[in-house]
């Protein structure tokens, strides 16, 4: 093969081969989203604790019933969530650290599913004595929370703590700290399906974990 023909074939190989290489590289290595092949891959969390009274249907843990007030002083119960997929967290408005990051994570959920009526969000205050409906409404306004989709709830402190620990199985408690007390709660966002079953826990302060949450909400919406 003479040199002109060799150069011609090298040029054609590069012209055809480079796009193919880029295609296969991106197909196999270029994705930055979490993917699940089927709804069955989402775990149903059947958690138990010796300190909690079981709340099960057919042997599977369900979120217990609850009844609180939202940011508009309107009664909000678990019945408001029938047929809905929802994400919940436990927080308090004067929280000095992780709550802002958790709220930011939930805002991503709000934005992604703003036109999906089957997805809702809940934030339970573990400092209800301070977090009155008015304080919660101000918090919602400050962070541009859409209260048609996302309810901030307040009520009896011990009832909320018990719901966190024995319903959603996350840390939510008040601890003695010398002469005073300190509020402690998990950074987890909890995904609950239309049957009231826990389907996932995600760190609200971790962007990659929130990305996984967004993907798995979409998975739940395809379940029959």
Protein backbone atom coordinates (compact mmCIF):
# COMPACT_ATOMS: atom_id res chain seq x y z
CA UNK A 1 0.00 0.00 0.00
CA UNK A 2 1.48 3.34 -1.00
CA UNK A 3 1.68 6.22 1.49
CA UNK A 4 -1.21 8.31 0.04
CA UNK A 5 -3.60 5.32 0.29
CA UNK A 6 -2.41 4.53 3.84
CA UNK A 7 -3.09 8.08 4.94
CA UNK A 8 -6.52 7.87 3.31
CA UNK A 9 -7.46 4.72 5.25
CA UNK A 10 -6.17 6.16 8.54
CA UNK A 11 -8.26 9.26 7.98
CA UNK A 12 -11.41 7.21 7.20
CA UNK A 13 -10.84 5.00 10.26
CA UNK A 14 -10.51 8.05 12.49
CA UNK A 15 -13.58 9.66 10.91
CA UNK A 16 -15.76 6.59 11.51
CA UNK A 17 -14.15 5.14 14.62
CA UNK A 18 -14.00 8.22 16.82
CA UNK A 19 -17.79 8.84 16.96
CA UNK A 20 -18.36 5.12 17.63
CA UNK A 21 -15.84 5.17 20.46
CA UNK A 22 -17.47 8.25 22.01
CA UNK A 23 -20.94 6.67 21.72
CA UNK A 24 -19.95 3.42 23.43
CA UNK A 25 -17.95 5.25 26.12
CA UNK A 26 -20.87 7.51 27.02
CA UNK A 27 -23.34 4.63 26.89
CA UNK A 28 -21.37 2.55 29.36
CA UNK A 29 -19.57 5.10 31.50
CA UNK A 30 -21.06 8.52 30.92
CA UNK A 31 -24.32 8.34 32.91
CA UNK A 32 -24.52 10.28 36.18
CA UNK A 33 -28.01 9.20 37.21
CA UNK A 34 -28.93 6.25 39.39
CA UNK A 35 -30.85 3.64 37.45
CA UNK A 36 -33.02 0.80 38.67
CA UNK A 37 -34.32 -1.76 36.23
CA UNK A 38 -37.67 -2.43 37.87
CA UNK A 39 -39.87 -1.38 40.81
CA UNK A 40 -39.19 -4.70 42.48
CA UNK A 41 -35.64 -3.54 43.19
CA UNK A 42 -36.91 -0.96 45.69
CA UNK A 43 -36.76 -2.49 49.12
CA UNK A 44 -39.74 -2.54 51.48
CA UNK A 45 -38.34 -1.70 54.91
CA UNK A 46 -39.97 -3.97 57.47
CA UNK A 47 -38.27 -2.54 60.55
CA UNK A 48 -38.90 -3.54 64.14
CA UNK A 49 -37.85 -2.27 67.56
CA UNK A 50 -38.31 -3.73 71.03
CA UNK A 51 -39.24 -0.21 72.16
CA UNK A 52 -42.06 0.19 69.64
CA UNK A 53 -45.51 -1.34 69.29
CA UNK A 54 -45.72 -2.94 65.83
CA UNK A 55 -47.95 -1.28 63.26
CA UNK A 56 -48.23 -3.93 60.59
CA UNK A 57 -50.57 -5.04 57.85
CA UNK A 58 -49.97 -8.56 56.53
CA UNK A 59 -46.74 -8.64 58.53
CA UNK A 60 -45.30 -5.49 56.92
CA UNK A 61 -44.63 -2.25 58.81
CA UNK A 62 -46.81 0.73 57.88
CA UNK A 63 -46.58 4.35 58.96
CA UNK A 64 -49.03 4.77 61.88
CA UNK A 65 -51.94 7.17 61.65
CA UNK A 66 -51.24 10.76 62.71
CA UNK A 67 -53.19 13.96 63.19
CA UNK A 68 -51.47 17.37 63.37
CA UNK A 69 -51.85 21.00 62.30
CA UNK A 70 -50.12 22.38 59.23
CA UNK A 71 -48.66 25.82 58.54
CA UNK A 72 -52.15 27.17 57.81
CA UNK A 73 -53.56 25.90 61.14
CA UNK A 74 -55.49 23.29 59.14
CA UNK A 75 -55.81 19.74 60.44
CA UNK A 76 -53.67 17.33 58.42
CA UNK A 77 -53.78 13.55 58.87
CA UNK A 78 -52.38 10.47 57.18
CA UNK A 79 -55.69 10.21 55.31
CA UNK A 80 -54.67 13.27 53.31
CA UNK A 81 -51.96 11.08 51.78
CA UNK A 82 -54.08 8.19 50.55
CA UNK A 83 -52.91 7.14 47.09
CA UNK A 84 -49.83 9.37 47.32
CA UNK A 85 -46.10 8.76 47.30
CA UNK A 86 -44.49 11.09 49.81
CA UNK A 87 -41.17 12.11 51.31
CA UNK A 88 -40.94 13.05 54.99
CA UNK A 89 -38.36 14.54 57.29
CA UNK A 90 -38.12 15.68 60.91
CA UNK A 91 -36.71 19.13 61.58
CA UNK A 92 -37.18 22.37 63.52
CA UNK A 93 -37.09 25.90 62.17
CA UNK A 94 -34.42 27.19 64.58
CA UNK A 95 -32.09 24.28 63.77
CA UNK A 96 -28.57 25.74 63.46
CA UNK A 97 -27.03 23.24 61.06
CA UNK A 98 -28.41 20.38 58.97
CA UNK A 99 -32.05 21.46 58.59
CA UNK A 100 -31.26 24.04 55.91
CA UNK A 101 -29.48 21.40 53.84
CA UNK A 102 -32.38 18.98 54.32
CA UNK A 103 -34.85 21.65 53.24
CA UNK A 104 -32.68 22.30 50.20
CA UNK A 105 -32.84 18.59 49.34
CA UNK A 106 -36.62 18.58 49.62
CA UNK A 107 -36.81 21.68 47.45
CA UNK A 108 -35.17 19.61 44.71
CA UNK A 109 -37.97 17.06 45.10
CA UNK A 110 -40.56 19.84 45.01
CA UNK A 111 -39.09 21.25 41.80
CA UNK A 112 -38.70 17.89 40.04
CA UNK A 113 -42.26 16.76 40.79
CA UNK A 114 -44.07 20.12 40.88
CA UNK A 115 -46.52 18.92 38.21
CA UNK A 116 -47.01 15.44 39.67
CA UNK A 117 -50.07 15.42 42.00
CA UNK A 118 -49.23 11.95 43.34
CA UNK A 119 -46.04 13.22 45.05
CA UNK A 120 -46.18 15.17 48.32
CA UNK A 121 -43.73 16.25 51.02
CA UNK A 122 -44.02 16.44 54.82
CA UNK A 123 -41.84 18.08 57.44
CA UNK A 124 -42.61 17.28 61.08
CA UNK A 125 -41.36 19.80 63.63
CA UNK A 126 -39.76 18.29 66.73
CA UNK A 127 -39.93 21.70 68.43
CA UNK A 128 -43.68 22.30 68.26
CA UNK A 129 -43.77 24.64 71.25
CA UNK A 130 -41.77 27.16 69.21
CA UNK A 131 -42.82 26.04 65.72
CA UNK A 132 -46.40 27.28 65.75
CA UNK A 133 -48.35 27.31 62.48
CA UNK A 134 -47.37 30.96 62.00
CA UNK A 135 -43.67 30.21 62.46
CA UNK A 136 -43.97 27.31 60.01
CA UNK A 137 -45.78 29.54 57.51
CA UNK A 138 -42.99 32.12 57.75
CA UNK A 139 -40.42 29.35 57.23
CA UNK A 140 -42.31 28.15 54.16
CA UNK A 141 -42.35 31.67 52.76
CA UNK A 142 -38.65 32.18 53.44
CA UNK A 143 -37.64 29.02 51.56
CA UNK A 144 -40.28 29.31 48.80
CA UNK A 145 -42.02 26.12 49.86
CA UNK A 146 -45.14 25.28 47.83
CA UNK A 147 -47.61 24.51 50.61
CA UNK A 148 -50.05 22.99 48.12
CA UNK A 149 -47.58 20.11 47.83
CA UNK A 150 -45.48 20.36 50.98
CA UNK A 151 -47.00 20.52 54.47
CA UNK A 152 -45.07 21.55 57.59
CA UNK A 153 -46.66 19.96 60.65
CA UNK A 154 -46.77 20.76 64.35
CA UNK A 155 -48.53 19.17 67.32
CA UNK A 156 -47.85 17.37 70.57
CA UNK A 157 -44.09 17.01 71.00
CA UNK A 158 -44.04 13.49 72.42
CA UNK A 159 -46.47 12.25 69.78
CA UNK A 160 -44.21 13.62 67.04
CA UNK A 161 -41.09 12.13 68.67
CA UNK A 162 -42.80 8.73 68.94
CA UNK A 163 -43.92 8.91 65.31
CA UNK A 164 -40.36 9.62 64.24
CA UNK A 165 -38.81 6.82 66.26
CA UNK A 166 -41.47 4.12 65.94
CA UNK A 167 -43.22 5.13 62.72
CA UNK A 168 -40.46 6.33 60.44
CA UNK A 169 -37.65 4.65 62.43
CA UNK A 170 -35.38 7.68 62.58
CA UNK A 171 -33.81 9.58 65.48
CA UNK A 172 -36.09 12.28 66.89
CA UNK A 173 -35.59 13.09 70.56
CA UNK A 174 -34.89 15.63 73.24
CA UNK A 175 -31.73 15.06 75.27
CA UNK A 176 -30.63 16.47 78.61
CA UNK A 177 -27.68 18.81 78.29
CA UNK A 178 -26.63 19.98 81.73
CA UNK A 179 -29.36 22.29 83.02
CA UNK A 180 -30.97 22.53 79.60
CA UNK A 181 -32.09 20.21 76.81
CA UNK A 182 -31.03 19.69 73.22
CA UNK A 183 -33.08 18.54 70.24
CA UNK A 184 -31.63 15.72 68.15
CA UNK A 185 -32.90 14.37 64.85
CA UNK A 186 -31.78 12.37 61.84
CA UNK A 187 -30.75 13.93 58.53
CA UNK A 188 -32.76 11.29 56.67
CA UNK A 189 -35.44 11.89 54.09
CA UNK A 190 -37.88 8.96 54.16
CA UNK A 191 -39.68 7.74 51.06
CA UNK A 192 -43.13 6.23 51.67
CA UNK A 193 -45.28 4.50 49.07
CA UNK A 194 -49.02 4.64 48.44
CA UNK A 195 -49.57 1.80 50.94
CA UNK A 196 -47.77 3.57 53.78
CA UNK A 197 -44.67 1.37 53.54
CA UNK A 198 -41.15 2.79 53.89
CA UNK A 199 -39.25 2.32 50.63
CA UNK A 200 -36.06 4.26 51.20
CA UNK A 201 -33.85 6.36 53.47
CA UNK A 202 -31.65 9.13 52.04
CA UNK A 203 -29.31 11.67 53.55
CA UNK A 204 -30.86 15.06 53.02
CA UNK A 205 -27.41 16.65 53.26
CA UNK A 206 -25.87 14.53 50.49
CA UNK A 207 -26.56 15.68 46.93
CA UNK A 208 -25.89 12.26 45.44
CA UNK A 209 -28.29 10.62 47.87
CA UNK A 210 -30.97 13.20 47.00
CA UNK A 211 -30.36 12.41 43.33
CA UNK A 212 -30.99 8.74 44.14
CA UNK A 213 -34.20 9.75 45.91
CA UNK A 214 -35.42 11.59 42.80
CA UNK A 215 -34.81 8.49 40.71
CA UNK A 216 -36.54 6.16 43.16
CA UNK A 217 -39.61 8.39 43.43
CA UNK A 218 -39.95 8.01 39.66
CA UNK A 219 -39.66 4.24 40.09
CA UNK A 220 -42.45 4.19 42.69
CA UNK A 221 -44.73 6.16 40.40
CA UNK A 222 -44.57 3.28 37.91
CA UNK A 223 -45.63 0.64 40.43
CA UNK A 224 -49.01 -0.93 39.96
